[in-house]
Amino acid sequence: MKIILYGKQGHAYTVAFKNFLNSTDVPYVYKDISKDVEAREHSKKLYNGVAKFPTLFVDDAVYLTPTTEEFNKIMQDLKLRA
């Protein structure tokens, strides 16, 4: 399983999602779109020219600005627990 999270330092959802992922044994990649130019440009492509976050990638699936409920459901479906 490959997980990538695009976010921004200090953003509430980003912090919450990172905290959850950090509490699991599953490795993931975090990219801060305010610092990572490539991630920011990719985000703009995903959101029609606007850099938005968080964005979650799980294998081939892309979840655009998931809410906490959506994130929790995705993690539940992946059988990941904190």
N, C-alpha and C. Protein backbone atom coordinates (compact mmCIF):
# COMPACT_ATOMS: atom_id res chain seq x y z
N MET A 1 0.84 -1.18 0.00
CA MET A 1 0.00 0.00 0.00
C MET A 1 0.89 1.24 0.00
N LYS A 2 0.57 2.17 -0.88
CA LYS A 2 1.33 3.41 -0.97
C LYS A 2 0.40 4.57 -0.62
N ILE A 3 0.77 5.32 0.42
CA ILE A 3 -0.04 6.46 0.86
C ILE A 3 0.80 7.73 0.75
N ILE A 4 0.22 8.74 0.12
CA ILE A 4 0.84 10.06 0.04
C ILE A 4 -0.20 11.07 0.50
N LEU A 5 0.23 12.02 1.33
CA LEU A 5 -0.65 13.07 1.82
C LEU A 5 -0.05 14.42 1.44
N TYR A 6 -0.82 15.22 0.72
CA TYR A 6 -0.46 16.61 0.45
C TYR A 6 -1.18 17.45 1.49
N GLY A 7 -0.48 18.38 2.09
CA GLY A 7 -1.10 19.26 3.07
C GLY A 7 -0.29 20.51 3.26
N LYS A 8 -0.56 21.17 4.39
CA LYS A 8 0.15 22.40 4.71
C LYS A 8 0.34 22.46 6.22
N GLN A 9 1.54 22.83 6.64
CA GLN A 9 1.87 22.89 8.06
C GLN A 9 0.87 23.78 8.81
N GLY A 10 0.36 23.26 9.93
CA GLY A 10 -0.55 24.02 10.76
C GLY A 10 -2.01 23.93 10.36
N HIS A 11 -2.31 23.37 9.21
CA HIS A 11 -3.70 23.22 8.76
C HIS A 11 -4.36 22.10 9.56
N ALA A 12 -5.52 22.37 10.12
CA ALA A 12 -6.16 21.44 11.06
C ALA A 12 -6.34 20.03 10.50
N TYR A 13 -6.92 19.90 9.30
CA TYR A 13 -7.10 18.57 8.74
C TYR A 13 -5.76 17.89 8.45
N THR A 14 -4.82 18.65 7.94
CA THR A 14 -3.50 18.09 7.65
C THR A 14 -2.88 17.53 8.93
N VAL A 15 -2.91 18.32 9.99
CA VAL A 15 -2.33 17.89 11.28
C VAL A 15 -3.04 16.64 11.79
N ALA A 16 -4.36 16.63 11.73
CA ALA A 16 -5.13 15.48 12.22
C ALA A 16 -4.81 14.22 11.42
N PHE A 17 -4.77 14.36 10.08
CA PHE A 17 -4.51 13.20 9.23
C PHE A 17 -3.09 12.69 9.45
N LYS A 18 -2.12 13.61 9.57
CA LYS A 18 -0.73 13.19 9.84
C LYS A 18 -0.62 12.49 11.19
N ASN A 19 -1.30 13.04 12.20
CA ASN A 19 -1.25 12.41 13.53
C ASN A 19 -1.80 10.99 13.48
N PHE A 20 -2.90 10.80 12.76
CA PHE A 20 -3.44 9.46 12.63
C PHE A 20 -2.45 8.55 11.93
N LEU A 21 -1.95 8.97 10.78
CA LEU A 21 -1.02 8.14 10.02
C LEU A 21 0.25 7.84 10.81
N ASN A 22 0.72 8.81 11.59
CA ASN A 22 1.90 8.58 12.43
C ASN A 22 1.65 7.53 13.49
N SER A 23 0.40 7.36 13.89
CA SER A 23 0.07 6.40 14.94
C SER A 23 -0.08 4.97 14.41
N THR A 24 -0.03 4.82 13.10
CA THR A 24 -0.11 3.48 12.50
C THR A 24 1.29 3.00 12.15
N ASP A 25 1.38 1.76 11.78
CA ASP A 25 2.68 1.20 11.37
C ASP A 25 2.89 1.33 9.87
N VAL A 26 1.97 1.98 9.19
CA VAL A 26 2.02 2.06 7.74
C VAL A 26 2.87 3.28 7.32
N PRO A 27 3.89 3.05 6.51
CA PRO A 27 4.68 4.18 6.04
C PRO A 27 3.87 5.02 5.05
N TYR A 28 4.12 6.31 5.07
CA TYR A 28 3.45 7.20 4.13
C TYR A 28 4.41 8.35 3.81
N VAL A 29 4.08 9.07 2.75
CA VAL A 29 4.88 10.22 2.34
C VAL A 29 4.02 11.46 2.55
N TYR A 30 4.60 12.48 3.19
CA TYR A 30 3.91 13.75 3.39
C TYR A 30 4.61 14.82 2.56
N LYS A 31 3.81 15.60 1.84
CA LYS A 31 4.36 16.70 1.04
C LYS A 31 3.62 17.99 1.41
N ASP A 32 4.38 18.97 1.87
CA ASP A 32 3.81 20.27 2.23
C ASP A 32 3.77 21.13 0.97
N ILE A 33 2.56 21.45 0.51
CA ILE A 33 2.45 22.16 -0.77
C ILE A 33 2.94 23.61 -0.68
N SER A 34 3.16 24.12 0.54
CA SER A 34 3.71 25.47 0.65
C SER A 34 5.23 25.46 0.46
N LYS A 35 5.84 24.28 0.57
CA LYS A 35 7.30 24.16 0.44
C LYS A 35 7.73 23.32 -0.76
N ASP A 36 6.88 22.39 -1.18
CA ASP A 36 7.21 21.46 -2.25
C ASP A 36 6.56 21.95 -3.56
N VAL A 37 7.36 22.56 -4.42
CA VAL A 37 6.85 23.16 -5.66
C VAL A 37 6.18 22.11 -6.54
N GLU A 38 6.78 20.95 -6.65
CA GLU A 38 6.22 19.89 -7.50
C GLU A 38 4.85 19.45 -6.98
N ALA A 39 4.72 19.29 -5.67
CA ALA A 39 3.44 18.89 -5.08
C ALA A 39 2.40 20.00 -5.28
N ARG A 40 2.82 21.26 -5.12
CA ARG A 40 1.90 22.38 -5.31
C ARG A 40 1.38 22.42 -6.75
N GLU A 41 2.28 22.24 -7.72
CA GLU A 41 1.87 22.26 -9.13
C GLU A 41 0.94 21.07 -9.44
N HIS A 42 1.24 19.92 -8.86
CA HIS A 42 0.38 18.75 -9.05
C HIS A 42 -1.01 19.02 -8.46
N SER A 43 -1.03 19.65 -7.28
CA SER A 43 -2.30 20.00 -6.65
C SER A 43 -3.11 20.93 -7.54
N LYS A 44 -2.46 21.90 -8.14
CA LYS A 44 -3.16 22.83 -9.04
C LYS A 44 -3.78 22.10 -10.22
N LYS A 45 -3.08 21.09 -10.72
CA LYS A 45 -3.63 20.30 -11.84
C LYS A 45 -4.87 19.52 -11.40
N LEU A 46 -4.83 19.00 -10.19
CA LEU A 46 -5.96 18.21 -9.67
C LEU A 46 -7.19 19.08 -9.40
N TYR A 47 -6.95 20.33 -9.01
CA TYR A 47 -8.05 21.22 -8.60
C TYR A 47 -8.28 22.37 -9.58
N ASN A 48 -8.05 22.13 -10.85
CA ASN A 48 -8.34 23.13 -11.89
C ASN A 48 -7.69 24.48 -11.64
N GLY A 49 -6.37 24.46 -11.36
CA GLY A 49 -5.61 25.70 -11.26
C GLY A 49 -5.45 26.27 -9.86
N VAL A 50 -6.09 25.66 -8.86
CA VAL A 50 -6.00 26.15 -7.49
C VAL A 50 -5.34 25.07 -6.64
N ALA A 51 -4.36 25.47 -5.84
CA ALA A 51 -3.71 24.51 -4.94
C ALA A 51 -4.58 24.34 -3.70
N LYS A 52 -5.13 23.15 -3.53
CA LYS A 52 -5.97 22.86 -2.36
C LYS A 52 -5.38 21.69 -1.60
N PHE A 53 -5.82 21.54 -0.37
CA PHE A 53 -5.33 20.49 0.51
C PHE A 53 -6.34 20.28 1.62
N PRO A 54 -6.28 19.15 2.31
CA PRO A 54 -5.41 18.02 2.05
C PRO A 54 -5.87 17.23 0.83
N THR A 55 -4.93 16.52 0.27
CA THR A 55 -5.20 15.57 -0.80
C THR A 55 -4.55 14.26 -0.38
N LEU A 56 -5.31 13.19 -0.48
CA LEU A 56 -4.82 11.88 -0.06
C LEU A 56 -4.76 10.95 -1.26
N PHE A 57 -3.63 10.29 -1.41
CA PHE A 57 -3.44 9.31 -2.47
C PHE A 57 -3.22 7.96 -1.79
N VAL A 58 -4.01 6.97 -2.17
CA VAL A 58 -3.83 5.61 -1.66
C VAL A 58 -3.76 4.71 -2.88
N ASP A 59 -2.57 4.19 -3.13
CA ASP A 59 -2.31 3.42 -4.34
C ASP A 59 -2.75 4.24 -5.55
N ASP A 60 -3.74 3.79 -6.31
CA ASP A 60 -4.17 4.52 -7.50
C ASP A 60 -5.37 5.44 -7.24
N ALA A 61 -5.88 5.46 -6.03
CA ALA A 61 -7.04 6.30 -5.70
C ALA A 61 -6.60 7.68 -5.24
N VAL A 62 -7.36 8.70 -5.63
CA VAL A 62 -7.09 10.07 -5.24
C VAL A 62 -8.32 10.61 -4.52
N TYR A 63 -8.12 11.14 -3.32
CA TYR A 63 -9.21 11.70 -2.53
C TYR A 63 -8.97 13.20 -2.39
N LEU A 64 -9.82 13.98 -3.05
CA LEU A 64 -9.66 15.42 -3.07
C LEU A 64 -10.34 16.04 -1.85
N THR A 65 -9.57 16.81 -1.09
CA THR A 65 -10.01 17.48 0.15
C THR A 65 -10.99 16.64 0.96
N PRO A 66 -10.55 15.46 1.42
CA PRO A 66 -11.46 14.63 2.22
C PRO A 66 -11.77 15.30 3.57
N THR A 67 -13.02 15.14 4.02
CA THR A 67 -13.40 15.59 5.35
C THR A 67 -12.88 14.58 6.37
N THR A 68 -13.02 14.90 7.63
CA THR A 68 -12.61 13.96 8.68
C THR A 68 -13.39 12.66 8.56
N GLU A 69 -14.69 12.76 8.31
CA GLU A 69 -15.52 11.56 8.17
C GLU A 69 -15.06 10.71 6.98
N GLU A 70 -14.78 11.36 5.86
CA GLU A 70 -14.30 10.63 4.68
C GLU A 70 -12.95 9.98 4.95
N PHE A 71 -12.05 10.72 5.60
CA PHE A 71 -10.74 10.18 5.93
C PHE A 71 -10.88 8.96 6.83
N ASN A 72 -11.72 9.08 7.86
CA ASN A 72 -11.92 7.95 8.79
C ASN A 72 -12.48 6.73 8.06
N LYS A 73 -13.40 6.94 7.14
CA LYS A 73 -13.96 5.83 6.35
C LYS A 73 -12.89 5.18 5.49
N ILE A 74 -12.05 5.99 4.85
CA ILE A 74 -10.96 5.46 4.02
C ILE A 74 -10.03 4.62 4.89
N MET A 75 -9.66 5.12 6.05
CA MET A 75 -8.76 4.39 6.95
C MET A 75 -9.41 3.10 7.43
N GLN A 76 -10.71 3.17 7.71
CA GLN A 76 -11.45 1.99 8.15
C GLN A 76 -11.47 0.94 7.03
N ASP A 77 -11.72 1.39 5.81
CA ASP A 77 -11.74 0.48 4.67
C ASP A 77 -10.37 -0.17 4.45
N LEU A 78 -9.31 0.57 4.78
CA LEU A 78 -7.95 0.03 4.66
C LEU A 78 -7.55 -0.81 5.86
N LYS A 79 -8.47 -0.85 6.85
CA LYS A 79 -8.22 -1.58 8.09
C LYS A 79 -7.04 -1.03 8.88
N LEU A 80 -6.91 0.30 8.85
CA LEU A 80 -5.87 0.97 9.61
C LEU A 80 -6.47 1.53 10.90
N ARG A 81 -5.75 1.33 11.99
CA ARG A 81 -6.21 1.83 13.28
C ARG A 81 -5.08 2.55 13.97
N ALA A 82 -5.46 3.56 14.73
CA ALA A 82 -4.47 4.32 15.50
C ALA A 82 -4.05 3.53 16.72
